[in-house]
């Protein structure tokens, strides 16, 4: 008779190995190469030009240099008054 902990240990080891293989495969395929660009995919180009009241002046200047002149947000948009 096999102790009940052996199948649990084997199942945990198999699932851990499977997760490690999936992460290694994703790394080798390049899924983690440019995470900064992937994080910006959900934004429209206009979203980068909206003025954000919580930004520091340095962050605002960096974004203005990267994406052009900043515009005021419309009501309900990025902290604009609703």
PDB file of N, CA and C in Angstrom:
ATOM      1  N   UNK A   1       0.830  -1.173   0.000  1.00  0.00           N
ATOM      2  CA  UNK A   1       0.000   0.000   0.000  1.00  0.00           C
ATOM      3  C   UNK A   1       0.885   1.252   0.000  1.00  0.00           C
ATOM      4  N   UNK A   2       0.572   2.205  -0.868  1.00  0.00           N
ATOM      5  CA  UNK A   2       1.359   3.432  -0.990  1.00  0.00           C
ATOM      6  C   UNK A   2       0.811   4.466  -0.003  1.00  0.00           C
ATOM      7  N   UNK A   3       1.703   5.135   0.720  1.00  0.00           N
ATOM      8  CA  UNK A   3       1.221   6.207   1.601  1.00  0.00           C
ATOM      9  C   UNK A   3       0.550   7.299   0.764  1.00  0.00           C
ATOM     10  N   UNK A   4      -0.463   7.926   1.325  1.00  0.00           N
ATOM     11  CA  UNK A   4      -1.236   8.903   0.557  1.00  0.00           C
ATOM     12  C   UNK A   4      -0.439  10.159   0.219  1.00  0.00           C
ATOM     13  N   UNK A   5       0.655  10.395   0.898  1.00  0.00           N
ATOM     14  CA  UNK A   5       1.436  11.594   0.608  1.00  0.00           C
ATOM     15  C   UNK A   5       2.281  11.449  -0.661  1.00  0.00           C
ATOM     16  N   UNK A   6       2.594  10.241  -1.072  1.00  0.00           N
ATOM     17  CA  UNK A   6       3.431  10.033  -2.262  1.00  0.00           C
ATOM     18  C   UNK A   6       2.740  10.554  -3.528  1.00  0.00           C
ATOM     19  N   UNK A   7       1.470  10.205  -3.780  1.00  0.00           N
ATOM     20  CA  UNK A   7       0.826  10.769  -4.976  1.00  0.00           C
ATOM     21  C   UNK A   7       0.716  12.296  -4.937  1.00  0.00           C
ATOM     22  N   UNK A   8       0.505  12.837  -3.754  1.00  0.00           N
ATOM     23  CA  UNK A   8       0.420  14.294  -3.627  1.00  0.00           C
ATOM     24  C   UNK A   8       1.763  14.928  -3.965  1.00  0.00           C
ATOM     25  N   UNK A   9       2.837  14.356  -3.473  1.00  0.00           N
ATOM     26  CA  UNK A   9       4.182  14.865  -3.753  1.00  0.00           C
ATOM     27  C   UNK A   9       4.490  14.745  -5.242  1.00  0.00           C
ATOM     28  N   UNK A  10       4.154  13.616  -5.845  1.00  0.00           N
ATOM     29  CA  UNK A  10       4.410  13.422  -7.268  1.00  0.00           C
ATOM     30  C   UNK A  10       3.580  14.377  -8.132  1.00  0.00           C
ATOM     31  N   UNK A  11       2.318  14.584  -7.771  1.00  0.00           N
ATOM     32  CA  UNK A  11       1.469  15.499  -8.530  1.00  0.00           C
ATOM     33  C   UNK A  11       1.990  16.929  -8.414  1.00  0.00           C
ATOM     34  N   UNK A  12       2.406  17.324  -7.224  1.00  0.00           N
ATOM     35  CA  UNK A  12       2.961  18.665  -7.031  1.00  0.00           C
ATOM     36  C   UNK A  12       4.241  18.847  -7.835  1.00  0.00           C
ATOM     37  N   UNK A  13       5.097  17.845  -7.824  1.00  0.00           N
ATOM     38  CA  UNK A  13       6.342  17.917  -8.591  1.00  0.00           C
ATOM     39  C   UNK A  13       6.049  18.005 -10.094  1.00  0.00           C
ATOM     40  N   UNK A  14       5.075  17.231 -10.584  1.00  0.00           N
ATOM     41  CA  UNK A  14       4.736  17.249 -12.005  1.00  0.00           C
ATOM     42  C   UNK A  14       4.174  18.607 -12.418  1.00  0.00           C
ATOM     43  N   UNK A  15       3.289  19.173 -11.614  1.00  0.00           N
ATOM     44  CA  UNK A  15       2.715  20.473 -11.948  1.00  0.00           C
ATOM     45  C   UNK A  15       3.759  21.586 -11.885  1.00  0.00           C
ATOM     46  N   UNK A  16       4.674  21.495 -10.940  1.00  0.00           N
ATOM     47  CA  UNK A  16       5.754  22.480 -10.846  1.00  0.00           C
ATOM     48  C   UNK A  16       6.666  22.391 -12.056  1.00  0.00           C
ATOM     49  N   UNK A  17       6.990  21.183 -12.456  1.00  0.00           N
ATOM     50  CA  UNK A  17       7.826  20.982 -13.636  1.00  0.00           C
ATOM     51  C   UNK A  17       7.118  21.506 -14.889  1.00  0.00           C
ATOM     52  N   UNK A  18       5.818  21.253 -15.000  1.00  0.00           N
ATOM     53  CA  UNK A  18       5.056  21.747 -16.148  1.00  0.00           C
ATOM     54  C   UNK A  18       5.077  23.278 -16.200  1.00  0.00           C
ATOM     55  N   UNK A  19       4.880  23.930 -15.055  1.00  0.00           N
ATOM     56  CA  UNK A  19       4.915  25.394 -15.023  1.00  0.00           C
ATOM     57  C   UNK A  19       6.290  25.918 -15.408  1.00  0.00           C
ATOM     58  N   UNK A  20       7.346  25.277 -14.932  1.00  0.00           N
ATOM     59  CA  UNK A  20       8.707  25.701 -15.265  1.00  0.00           C
ATOM     60  C   UNK A  20       8.976  25.535 -16.763  1.00  0.00           C
ATOM     61  N   UNK A  21       8.489  24.466 -17.354  1.00  0.00           N
ATOM     62  CA  UNK A  21       8.678  24.231 -18.787  1.00  0.00           C
ATOM     63  C   UNK A  21       7.934  25.290 -19.602  1.00  0.00           C
ATOM     64  N   UNK A  22       6.714  25.624 -19.197  1.00  0.00           N
ATOM     65  CA  UNK A  22       5.938  26.635 -19.918  1.00  0.00           C
ATOM     66  C   UNK A  22       6.629  27.994 -19.839  1.00  0.00           C
ATOM     67  N   UNK A  23       7.111  28.379 -18.666  1.00  0.00           N
ATOM     68  CA  UNK A  23       7.814  29.655 -18.533  1.00  0.00           C
ATOM     69  C   UNK A  23       9.113  29.675 -19.337  1.00  0.00           C
ATOM     70  N   UNK A  24       9.851  28.573 -19.330  1.00  0.00           N
ATOM     71  CA  UNK A  24      11.087  28.496 -20.121  1.00  0.00           C
ATOM     72  C   UNK A  24      10.781  28.597 -21.610  1.00  0.00           C
ATOM     73  N   UNK A  25       9.729  27.914 -22.055  1.00  0.00           N
ATOM     74  CA  UNK A  25       9.334  27.986 -23.461  1.00  0.00           C
ATOM     75  C   UNK A  25       8.971  29.422 -23.842  1.00  0.00           C
ATOM     76  N   UNK A  26       8.203  30.108 -22.993  1.00  0.00           N
ATOM     77  CA  UNK A  26       7.813  31.486 -23.274  1.00  0.00           C
ATOM     78  C   UNK A  26       9.033  32.400 -23.322  1.00  0.00           C
ATOM     79  N   UNK A  27       9.990  32.173 -22.440  1.00  0.00           N
ATOM     80  CA  UNK A  27      11.213  32.975 -22.433  1.00  0.00           C
ATOM     81  C   UNK A  27      12.006  32.757 -23.720  1.00  0.00           C
ATOM     82  N   UNK A  28      12.158  31.505 -24.131  1.00  0.00           N
ATOM     83  CA  UNK A  28      12.924  31.221 -25.346  1.00  0.00           C
ATOM     84  C   UNK A  28      12.227  31.725 -26.597  1.00  0.00           C
ATOM     85  N   UNK A  29      10.901  31.792 -26.588  1.00  0.00           N
ATOM     86  CA  UNK A  29      10.152  32.300 -27.735  1.00  0.00           C
ATOM     87  C   UNK A  29      10.145  33.823 -27.795  1.00  0.00           C
ATOM     88  N   UNK A  30      10.626  34.505 -26.740  1.00  0.00           N
ATOM     89  CA  UNK A  30      10.737  35.947 -26.759  1.00  0.00           C
ATOM     90  C   UNK A  30       9.546  36.699 -26.201  1.00  0.00           C
ATOM     91  N   UNK A  31       8.690  36.018 -25.446  1.00  0.00           N
ATOM     92  CA  UNK A  31       7.521  36.689 -24.903  1.00  0.00           C
ATOM     93  C   UNK A  31       7.876  37.741 -23.857  1.00  0.00           C
ATOM     94  N   UNK A  32       9.045  37.669 -23.264  1.00  0.00           N
ATOM     95  CA  UNK A  32       9.443  38.606 -22.230  1.00  0.00           C
ATOM     96  C   UNK A  32      10.517  39.585 -22.708  1.00  0.00           C
ATOM     97  N   UNK A  33      10.739  39.687 -24.007  1.00  0.00           N
ATOM     98  CA  UNK A  33      11.810  40.523 -24.528  1.00  0.00           C
ATOM     99  C   UNK A  33      11.537  42.018 -24.362  1.00  0.00           C
ATOM    100  N   UNK A  34      10.334  42.463 -24.667  1.00  0.00           N
ATOM    101  CA  UNK A  34      10.042  43.892 -24.625  1.00  0.00           C
ATOM    102  C   UNK A  34       8.757  44.129 -23.840  1.00  0.00           C
ATOM    103  N   UNK A  35       8.821  43.984 -22.538  1.00  0.00           N
ATOM    104  CA  UNK A  35       7.639  44.114 -21.701  1.00  0.00           C
ATOM    105  C   UNK A  35       7.117  45.543 -21.667  1.00  0.00           C
ATOM    106  N   UNK A  36       7.993  46.540 -21.803  1.00  0.00           N
ATOM    107  CA  UNK A  36       7.544  47.922 -21.773  1.00  0.00           C
ATOM    108  C   UNK A  36       6.606  48.211 -22.950  1.00  0.00           C
ATOM    109  N   UNK A  37       6.973  47.759 -24.133  1.00  0.00           N
ATOM    110  CA  UNK A  37       6.119  47.975 -25.304  1.00  0.00           C
ATOM    111  C   UNK A  37       4.824  47.186 -25.186  1.00  0.00           C
ATOM    112  N   UNK A  38       4.892  45.994 -24.647  1.00  0.00           N
ATOM    113  CA  UNK A  38       3.684  45.188 -24.490  1.00  0.00           C
ATOM    114  C   UNK A  38       2.736  45.804 -23.481  1.00  0.00           C
ATOM    115  N   UNK A  39       3.253  46.484 -22.477  1.00  0.00           N
ATOM    116  CA  UNK A  39       2.386  47.106 -21.475  1.00  0.00           C
ATOM    117  C   UNK A  39       1.653  48.312 -22.037  1.00  0.00           C
ATOM    118  N   UNK A  40       2.121  48.881 -23.133  1.00  0.00           N
ATOM    119  CA  UNK A  40       1.488  50.056 -23.725  1.00  0.00           C
ATOM    120  C   UNK A  40       0.518  49.720 -24.848  1.00  0.00           C
ATOM    121  N   UNK A  41       0.380  48.466 -25.195  1.00  0.00           N
ATOM    122  CA  UNK A  41      -0.471  48.068 -26.313  1.00  0.00           C
ATOM    123  C   UNK A  41      -1.929  48.436 -26.054  1.00  0.00           C
ATOM    124  N   UNK A  42      -2.369  48.418 -24.804  1.00  0.00           N
ATOM    125  CA  UNK A  42      -3.774  48.662 -24.511  1.00  0.00           C
ATOM    126  C   UNK A  42      -4.160  50.122 -24.637  1.00  0.00           C
ATOM    127  N   UNK A  43      -3.196  51.036 -24.728  1.00  0.00           N
ATOM    128  CA  UNK A  43      -3.491  52.461 -24.800  1.00  0.00           C
ATOM    129  C   UNK A  43      -3.635  52.922 -26.244  1.00  0.00           C
ATOM    130  N   UNK A  44      -4.507  53.890 -26.437  1.00  0.00           N
ATOM    131  CA  UNK A  44      -4.608  54.561 -27.728  1.00  0.00           C
ATOM    132  C   UNK A  44      -3.572  55.678 -27.742  1.00  0.00           C
ATOM    133  N   UNK A  45      -3.113  56.120 -28.900  1.00  0.00           N
ATOM    134  CA  UNK A  45      -2.106  57.185 -28.945  1.00  0.00           C
ATOM    135  C   UNK A  45      -2.542  58.456 -28.208  1.00  0.00           C
ATOM    136  N   UNK A  46      -3.843  58.761 -28.238  1.00  0.00           N
ATOM    137  CA  UNK A  46      -4.351  59.959 -27.575  1.00  0.00           C
ATOM    138  C   UNK A  46      -4.177  59.870 -26.047  1.00  0.00           C
ATOM    139  N   UNK A  47      -4.228  58.663 -25.496  1.00  0.00           N
ATOM    140  CA  UNK A  47      -4.101  58.477 -24.049  1.00  0.00           C
ATOM    141  C   UNK A  47      -2.767  58.989 -23.515  1.00  0.00           C
ATOM    142  N   UNK A  48      -1.736  58.953 -24.327  1.00  0.00           N
ATOM    143  CA  UNK A  48      -0.419  59.415 -23.884  1.00  0.00           C
ATOM    144  C   UNK A  48      -0.324  60.940 -23.868  1.00  0.00           C
ATOM    145  N   UNK A  49      -1.247  61.624 -24.538  1.00  0.00           N
ATOM    146  CA  UNK A  49      -1.216  63.081 -24.608  1.00  0.00           C
ATOM    147  C   UNK A  49      -2.122  63.752 -23.580  1.00  0.00           C
ATOM    148  N   UNK A  50      -2.902  62.979 -22.841  1.00  0.00           N
ATOM    149  CA  UNK A  50      -3.791  63.567 -21.849  1.00  0.00           C
ATOM    150  C   UNK A  50      -3.002  63.993 -20.622  1.00  0.00           C
ATOM    151  N   UNK A  51      -3.311  65.173 -20.130  1.00  0.00           N
ATOM    152  CA  UNK A  51      -2.629  65.681 -18.947  1.00  0.00           C
ATOM    153  C   UNK A  51      -3.139  64.939 -17.720  1.00  0.00           C
ATOM    154  N   UNK A  52      -2.225  64.538 -16.857  1.00  0.00           N
ATOM    155  CA  UNK A  52      -2.576  63.767 -15.666  1.00  0.00           C
ATOM    156  C   UNK A  52      -2.169  64.569 -14.434  1.00  0.00           C
ATOM    157  N   UNK A  53      -3.133  64.925 -13.581  1.00  0.00           N
ATOM    158  CA  UNK A  53      -2.824  65.801 -12.446  1.00  0.00           C
ATOM    159  C   UNK A  53      -1.888  65.183 -11.414  1.00  0.00           C
ATOM    160  N   UNK A  54      -1.739  63.889 -11.371  1.00  0.00           N
ATOM    161  CA  UNK A  54      -0.904  63.244 -10.359  1.00  0.00           C
ATOM    162  C   UNK A  54       0.558  63.115 -10.774  1.00  0.00           C
ATOM    163  N   UNK A  55       0.891  63.485 -12.002  1.00  0.00           N
ATOM    164  CA  UNK A  55       2.270  63.368 -12.472  1.00  0.00           C
ATOM    165  C   UNK A  55       3.149  64.483 -11.917  1.00  0.00           C
ATOM    166  N   UNK A  56       4.408  64.146 -11.743  1.00  0.00           N
ATOM    167  CA  UNK A  56       5.382  65.172 -11.369  1.00  0.00           C
ATOM    168  C   UNK A  56       5.738  65.984 -12.615  1.00  0.00           C
ATOM    169  N   UNK A  57       6.293  67.165 -12.440  1.00  0.00           N
ATOM    170  CA  UNK A  57       6.684  67.956 -13.617  1.00  0.00           C
ATOM    171  C   UNK A  57       7.687  67.236 -14.513  1.00  0.00           C
ATOM    172  N   UNK A  58       8.566  66.451 -13.926  1.00  0.00           N
ATOM    173  CA  UNK A  58       9.556  65.713 -14.725  1.00  0.00           C
ATOM    174  C   UNK A  58       8.861  64.647 -15.574  1.00  0.00           C
ATOM    175  N   UNK A  59       7.927  63.905 -14.979  1.00  0.00           N
ATOM    176  CA  UNK A  59       7.198  62.887 -15.736  1.00  0.00           C
ATOM    177  C   UNK A  59       6.380  63.526 -16.851  1.00  0.00           C
ATOM    178  N   UNK A  60       5.764  64.672 -16.554  1.00  0.00           N
ATOM    179  CA  UNK A  60       4.966  65.378 -17.558  1.00  0.00           C
ATOM    180  C   UNK A  60       5.845  65.825 -18.723  1.00  0.00           C
ATOM    181  N   UNK A  61       7.025  66.346 -18.426  1.00  0.00           N
ATOM    182  CA  UNK A  61       7.940  66.803 -19.471  1.00  0.00           C
ATOM    183  C   UNK A  61       8.434  65.628 -20.326  1.00  0.00           C
ATOM    184  N   UNK A  62       8.759  64.509 -19.680  1.00  0.00           N
ATOM    185  CA  UNK A  62       9.205  63.325 -20.431  1.00  0.00           C
ATOM    186  C   UNK A  62       8.119  62.842 -21.390  1.00  0.00           C
ATOM    187  N   UNK A  63       6.875  62.807 -20.895  1.00  0.00           N
ATOM    188  CA  UNK A  63       5.785  62.349 -21.743  1.00  0.00           C
ATOM    189  C   UNK A  63       5.500  63.338 -22.865  1.00  0.00           C
ATOM    190  N   UNK A  64       5.629  64.630 -22.587  1.00  0.00           N
ATOM    191  CA  UNK A  64       5.414  65.640 -23.620  1.00  0.00           C
ATOM    192  C   UNK A  64       6.481  65.544 -24.706  1.00  0.00           C
ATOM    193  N   UNK A  65       7.705  65.265 -24.318  1.00  0.00           N
ATOM    194  CA  UNK A  65       8.780  65.111 -25.303  1.00  0.00           C
ATOM    195  C   UNK A  65       8.581  63.852 -26.137  1.00  0.00           C
ATOM    196  N   UNK A  66       8.040  62.801 -25.540  1.00  0.00           N
ATOM    197  CA  UNK A  66       7.848  61.537 -26.247  1.00  0.00           C
ATOM    198  C   UNK A  66       6.613  61.530 -27.144  1.00  0.00           C
ATOM    199  N   UNK A  67       5.516  62.175 -26.682  1.00  0.00           N
ATOM    200  CA  UNK A  67       4.233  62.005 -27.367  1.00  0.00           C
ATOM    201  C   UNK A  67       3.600  63.288 -27.868  1.00  0.00           C
ATOM    202  N   UNK A  68       4.260  64.421 -27.714  1.00  0.00           N
ATOM    203  CA  UNK A  68       3.716  65.682 -28.215  1.00  0.00           C
ATOM    204  C   UNK A  68       3.010  66.479 -27.130  1.00  0.00           C
ATOM    205  N   UNK A  69       2.447  67.619 -27.549  1.00  0.00           N
ATOM    206  CA  UNK A  69       1.798  68.545 -26.619  1.00  0.00           C
ATOM    207  C   UNK A  69       0.674  67.848 -25.854  1.00  0.00           C
ATOM    208  N   UNK A  70       0.609  68.111 -24.547  1.00  0.00           N
ATOM    209  CA  UNK A  70      -0.412  67.504 -23.702  1.00  0.00           C
ATOM    210  C   UNK A  70      -1.719  68.290 -23.800  1.00  0.00           C
ATOM    211  N   UNK A  71      -2.825  67.580 -23.699  1.00  0.00           N
ATOM    212  CA  UNK A  71      -4.155  68.198 -23.766  1.00  0.00           C
ATOM    213  C   UNK A  71      -4.911  67.876 -22.480  1.00  0.00           C
ATOM    214  N   UNK A  72      -5.893  68.728 -22.157  1.00  0.00           N
ATOM    215  CA  UNK A  72      -6.719  68.496 -20.977  1.00  0.00           C
ATOM    216  C   UNK A  72      -7.646  67.297 -21.209  1.00  0.00           C
ATOM    217  N   UNK A  73      -7.858  66.489 -20.178  1.00  0.00           N
ATOM    218  CA  UNK A  73      -8.769  65.344 -20.355  1.00  0.00           C
ATOM    219  C   UNK A  73     -10.219  65.780 -20.427  1.00  0.00           C
ATOM    220  N   UNK A  74     -11.009  65.021 -21.166  1.00  0.00           N
ATOM    221  CA  UNK A  74     -12.442  65.266 -21.234  1.00  0.00           C
ATOM    222  C   UNK A  74     -13.069  64.795 -19.918  1.00  0.00           C
ATOM    223  N   UNK A  75     -14.280  65.207 -19.625  1.00  0.00           N
ATOM    224  CA  UNK A  75     -14.930  64.760 -18.399  1.00  0.00           C
ATOM    225  C   UNK A  75     -14.956  63.232 -18.287  1.00  0.00           C
ATOM    226  N   UNK A  76     -14.514  62.723 -17.138  1.00  0.00           N
ATOM    227  CA  UNK A  76     -14.486  61.285 -16.896  1.00  0.00           C
ATOM    228  C   UNK A  76     -13.321  60.551 -17.505  1.00  0.00           C
ATOM    229  N   UNK A  77     -12.355  61.254 -18.039  1.00  0.00           N
ATOM    230  CA  UNK A  77     -11.242  60.630 -18.742  1.00  0.00           C
ATOM    231  C   UNK A  77      -9.937  60.949 -18.023  1.00  0.00           C
ATOM    232  N   UNK A  78      -9.246  59.957 -17.513  1.00  0.00           N
ATOM    233  CA  UNK A  78      -7.956  60.104 -16.833  1.00  0.00           C
ATOM    234  C   UNK A  78      -8.000  61.160 -15.723  1.00  0.00           C
ATOM    235  N   UNK A  79      -9.033  61.138 -14.937  1.00  0.00           N
ATOM    236  CA  UNK A  79      -9.106  62.053 -13.809  1.00  0.00           C
ATOM    237  C   UNK A  79      -9.759  63.376 -14.144  1.00  0.00           C
ATOM    238  N   UNK A  80     -10.297  63.547 -15.339  1.00  0.00           N
ATOM    239  CA  UNK A  80     -10.992  64.782 -15.677  1.00  0.00           C
ATOM    240  C   UNK A  80     -12.277  64.894 -14.872  1.00  0.00           C
ATOM    241  N   UNK A  81     -12.714  66.098 -14.597  1.00  0.00           N
ATOM    242  CA  UNK A  81     -13.933  66.298 -13.811  1.00  0.00           C
ATOM    243  C   UNK A  81     -15.119  65.719 -14.570  1.00  0.00           C
ATOM    244  N   UNK A  82     -15.984  65.041 -13.849  1.00  0.00           N
ATOM    245  CA  UNK A  82     -17.136  64.402 -14.524  1.00  0.00           C
ATOM    246  C   UNK A  82     -18.371  65.239 -14.487  1.00  0.00           C
TER     247      UNK A  82
END
